[in-house]
Amino acid sequence: MKKRIITIVTASLCALMLFSTSIVPTMASPYFDEETGIETRAEQVRWYYRTNHGVEEMRLWSVTYGVWKTDWIPVPDGWHQNG
């Protein structure tokens, strides 16, 4: 009887391990849905700069959505433009 219980527990654990390993690859990539082919990506943005009446200003543009994310704001001291 004891052997039978150990066999059932062992078989259950093996079945559980097989089931859990088939789920893990699906959960590993939350950014791509294979059924719909949709992939989640981060929004791409770019800073634009201008000089307005002697004051350097910057504004954030959403490349992804094609809209301005901010108004023109003064460039903070120590801010370096990444060309």
Protein backbone atom coordinates (compact mmCIF):
# COMPACT_ATOMS: atom_id res chain seq x y z
CA MET A 1 0.00 0.00 0.00
CA LYS A 2 2.84 2.36 0.87
CA LYS A 3 4.51 1.62 -2.49
CA ARG A 4 1.30 2.42 -4.30
CA ILE A 5 0.93 5.83 -2.59
CA ILE A 6 4.55 6.71 -3.38
CA THR A 7 3.99 5.70 -7.02
CA ILE A 8 0.83 7.82 -7.27
CA VAL A 9 2.54 10.85 -5.67
CA THR A 10 5.57 10.46 -7.94
CA ALA A 11 3.39 10.14 -11.05
CA SER A 12 1.38 13.21 -10.00
CA LEU A 13 4.53 15.26 -9.50
CA CYS A 14 5.88 14.19 -12.90
CA ALA A 15 2.58 15.12 -14.56
CA LEU A 16 2.61 18.48 -12.78
CA MET A 17 6.17 19.16 -13.90
CA LEU A 18 5.35 18.33 -17.52
CA PHE A 19 2.29 20.59 -17.44
CA SER A 20 4.14 23.50 -15.82
CA THR A 21 7.05 23.36 -18.30
CA SER A 22 4.62 23.62 -21.22
CA ILE A 23 3.13 26.80 -19.73
CA VAL A 24 6.40 28.58 -18.95
CA PRO A 25 7.42 29.39 -22.57
CA THR A 26 4.03 30.99 -23.11
CA MET A 27 4.43 33.14 -20.02
CA ALA A 28 8.09 33.96 -20.73
CA SER A 29 7.29 36.52 -23.43
CA PRO A 30 4.40 38.76 -22.36
CA TYR A 31 5.19 41.10 -25.27
CA PHE A 32 4.09 38.85 -28.16
CA ASP A 33 0.76 37.13 -28.70
CA GLU A 34 1.23 34.27 -31.16
CA GLU A 35 -2.50 33.97 -31.86
CA THR A 36 -2.98 37.56 -32.97
CA GLY A 37 0.59 38.38 -34.00
CA ILE A 38 0.51 41.53 -31.85
CA GLU A 39 3.76 42.59 -30.22
CA THR A 40 3.93 45.17 -27.43
CA ARG A 41 6.59 47.83 -27.92
CA ALA A 42 7.66 50.95 -26.06
CA GLU A 43 6.62 54.34 -27.36
CA GLN A 44 9.41 56.08 -29.28
CA VAL A 45 9.96 59.76 -28.49
CA ARG A 46 12.37 62.46 -29.63
CA TRP A 47 13.35 65.84 -28.19
CA TYR A 48 13.30 68.86 -30.52
CA TYR A 49 15.20 72.06 -29.69
CA ARG A 50 14.90 75.70 -30.69
CA THR A 51 16.13 79.10 -29.62
CA ASN A 52 13.25 81.49 -28.93
CA HIS A 53 14.23 85.12 -28.16
CA GLY A 54 17.66 83.95 -26.98
CA VAL A 55 16.26 81.19 -24.73
CA GLU A 56 16.99 77.55 -25.62
CA GLU A 57 13.79 75.51 -25.46
CA MET A 58 12.92 71.86 -25.96
CA ARG A 59 9.77 69.91 -26.75
CA LEU A 60 9.04 66.17 -26.72
CA TRP A 61 7.58 64.56 -29.87
CA SER A 62 5.97 61.10 -29.94
CA VAL A 63 7.33 59.37 -33.03
CA THR A 64 4.91 56.49 -32.39
CA TYR A 65 1.70 58.53 -32.25
CA GLY A 66 2.73 61.67 -34.17
CA VAL A 67 1.77 64.12 -31.41
CA TRP A 68 3.58 66.59 -29.15
CA LYS A 69 3.93 65.23 -25.61
CA THR A 70 4.98 68.54 -24.02
CA ASP A 71 4.85 72.28 -24.63
CA TRP A 72 8.04 74.21 -25.32
CA ILE A 73 9.99 74.33 -22.06
CA PRO A 74 13.35 75.95 -21.22
CA VAL A 75 16.32 73.60 -21.48
CA PRO A 76 17.51 72.86 -17.90
CA ASP A 77 21.07 73.81 -16.91
CA GLY A 78 23.44 70.91 -17.53
CA TRP A 79 21.11 69.29 -20.08
CA HIS A 80 23.13 68.09 -23.06
CA GLN A 81 21.53 67.65 -26.45
CA ASN A 82 22.10 64.18 -27.87
CA GLY A 83 22.73 64.85 -31.54
